[in-house]
Amino acid sequence: MHDQTSDEIHVASFLVHVRPGQLAELTDVLAATPGLEEGTQDPSGKLVVLAEGTCHQNLLEAMELIESVAGVLDCILVYHEVMSAQEANQQLIPTGQLQTAQQEVLS
C-alpha cells in the first residue's frame, strides 16, 4: 500500500460481497494486509472490512486490493473519516464507563 508521512489518519469501512465459497481467500488477504481488518461477517458472503491509512490513496488502494480477490462481487465505501493523529490517539470513552453503560442497558 501507498506510504506517506502525514499528520492525518483516514479510517474507513467497506461493505464487501464475495461468493461464499471464496470467502476464506478474502479473509486470508485481509489478515495478511497491514491496515485492513475483517469486521462482521455473514455466511452468505457479506462482510464489513475496516481500513486505516495516512491518506485517501491508502483507502483507494485497499478497495482495489479487495476487488482484485477472486470471488469478490462488490466493495462499497460506507464510512470515511479523516482525523488528526492527535485526535486518533485520544481515548473517547474513559475506561470503565463503557462497561458500566453496557451493564445498564442489559439490566
Protein backbone atom coordinates (compact mmCIF):
# COMPACT_ATOMS: atom_id res chain seq x y z
CA MET A 1 0.00 0.00 0.00
CA HIS A 2 1.00 3.62 -0.58
CA ASP A 3 3.01 5.01 2.32
CA GLN A 4 3.04 8.72 3.04
CA THR A 5 4.09 10.52 6.22
CA SER A 6 1.10 12.52 7.36
CA ASP A 7 -0.48 14.04 10.41
CA GLU A 8 -3.83 12.67 9.24
CA ILE A 9 -5.42 9.33 9.91
CA HIS A 10 -8.04 8.07 7.46
CA VAL A 11 -10.45 5.47 8.81
CA ALA A 12 -12.98 3.75 6.58
CA SER A 13 -15.28 0.79 6.36
CA PHE A 14 -16.31 -1.14 3.29
CA LEU A 15 -19.23 -3.47 2.70
CA VAL A 16 -17.88 -6.37 0.66
CA HIS A 17 -19.90 -9.05 -1.11
CA VAL A 18 -17.98 -12.19 -2.07
CA ARG A 19 -19.03 -15.60 -3.31
CA PRO A 20 -19.44 -17.70 -0.13
CA GLY A 21 -17.09 -20.41 -1.42
CA GLN A 22 -14.30 -17.85 -1.80
CA LEU A 23 -14.77 -16.03 1.49
CA ALA A 24 -11.72 -17.72 3.06
CA GLU A 25 -9.45 -16.39 0.30
CA LEU A 26 -10.59 -12.84 1.03
CA THR A 27 -10.18 -13.18 4.79
CA ASP A 28 -6.63 -14.52 4.22
CA VAL A 29 -5.79 -11.42 2.15
CA LEU A 30 -7.25 -9.15 4.83
CA ALA A 31 -5.27 -10.86 7.60
CA ALA A 32 -2.04 -10.50 5.61
CA THR A 33 -2.51 -6.81 4.76
CA PRO A 34 -1.50 -4.11 7.26
CA GLY A 35 -4.22 -1.51 7.73
CA LEU A 36 -7.07 -3.87 6.86
CA GLU A 37 -9.19 -5.78 9.34
CA GLU A 38 -12.15 -8.09 8.99
CA GLY A 39 -15.23 -6.91 10.83
CA THR A 40 -18.63 -8.53 10.98
CA GLN A 41 -19.14 -11.45 8.59
CA ASP A 42 -22.23 -13.18 7.26
CA PRO A 43 -22.02 -16.75 5.89
CA SER A 44 -23.84 -15.60 2.73
CA GLY A 45 -20.63 -13.80 1.71
CA LYS A 46 -21.18 -10.32 3.05
CA LEU A 47 -18.69 -8.73 5.40
CA VAL A 48 -17.54 -5.42 6.74
CA VAL A 49 -13.89 -4.53 6.25
CA LEU A 50 -12.22 -1.84 8.34
CA ALA A 51 -9.35 0.14 6.85
CA GLU A 52 -6.89 2.69 8.19
CA GLY A 53 -4.24 4.72 6.40
CA THR A 54 -2.41 8.03 6.31
CA CYS A 55 -4.10 9.35 3.17
CA HIS A 56 -7.11 8.74 0.96
CA GLN A 57 -4.86 6.96 -1.53
CA ASN A 58 -4.34 4.18 1.05
CA LEU A 59 -8.10 3.62 1.10
CA LEU A 60 -8.38 3.57 -2.69
CA GLU A 61 -5.57 1.02 -2.86
CA ALA A 62 -7.31 -1.08 -0.20
CA MET A 63 -10.50 -1.10 -2.28
CA GLU A 64 -8.56 -2.09 -5.38
CA LEU A 65 -6.85 -4.91 -3.49
CA ILE A 66 -10.17 -6.21 -2.15
CA GLU A 67 -11.79 -6.00 -5.60
CA SER A 68 -8.88 -7.95 -7.12
CA VAL A 69 -9.50 -11.02 -4.93
CA ALA A 70 -11.18 -13.86 -6.82
CA GLY A 71 -14.88 -14.14 -6.00
CA VAL A 72 -15.36 -10.55 -4.81
CA LEU A 73 -18.54 -9.21 -6.37
CA ASP A 74 -18.58 -5.72 -4.91
CA CYS A 75 -16.75 -3.42 -2.48
CA ILE A 76 -18.63 -0.32 -1.34
CA LEU A 77 -17.29 2.51 0.82
CA VAL A 78 -19.83 3.07 3.61
CA TYR A 79 -17.84 5.24 6.03
CA HIS A 80 -14.81 7.52 5.81
CA GLU A 81 -13.43 9.81 8.48
CA VAL A 82 -10.33 11.98 8.48
CA MET A 83 -8.82 12.98 11.81
CA SER A 84 -5.54 14.30 13.07
CA ALA A 85 -3.06 11.85 14.56
CA GLN A 86 -3.61 13.61 17.90
CA GLU A 87 -7.39 13.03 17.70
CA ALA A 88 -6.84 9.39 16.80
CA ASN A 89 -4.80 8.86 19.96
CA GLN A 90 -7.46 10.30 22.27
CA GLN A 91 -9.47 7.95 24.43
CA LEU A 92 -13.06 8.89 23.63
CA ILE A 93 -14.74 6.85 26.36
CA PRO A 94 -12.95 6.69 29.71
CA THR A 95 -12.11 3.16 30.79
CA GLY A 96 -14.88 1.67 32.90
CA GLN A 97 -17.65 3.94 31.63
CA LEU A 98 -18.33 1.80 28.59
CA GLN A 99 -18.65 -1.35 30.68
CA THR A 100 -20.97 0.46 33.11
CA ALA A 101 -23.12 1.76 30.27
CA GLN A 102 -23.37 -1.70 28.72
CA GLN A 103 -24.38 -3.20 32.06
CA GLU A 104 -27.11 -0.56 32.48
CA VAL A 105 -28.54 -1.39 29.06
CA LEU A 106 -28.60 -5.09 29.87
CA SER A 107 -30.32 -4.54 33.23
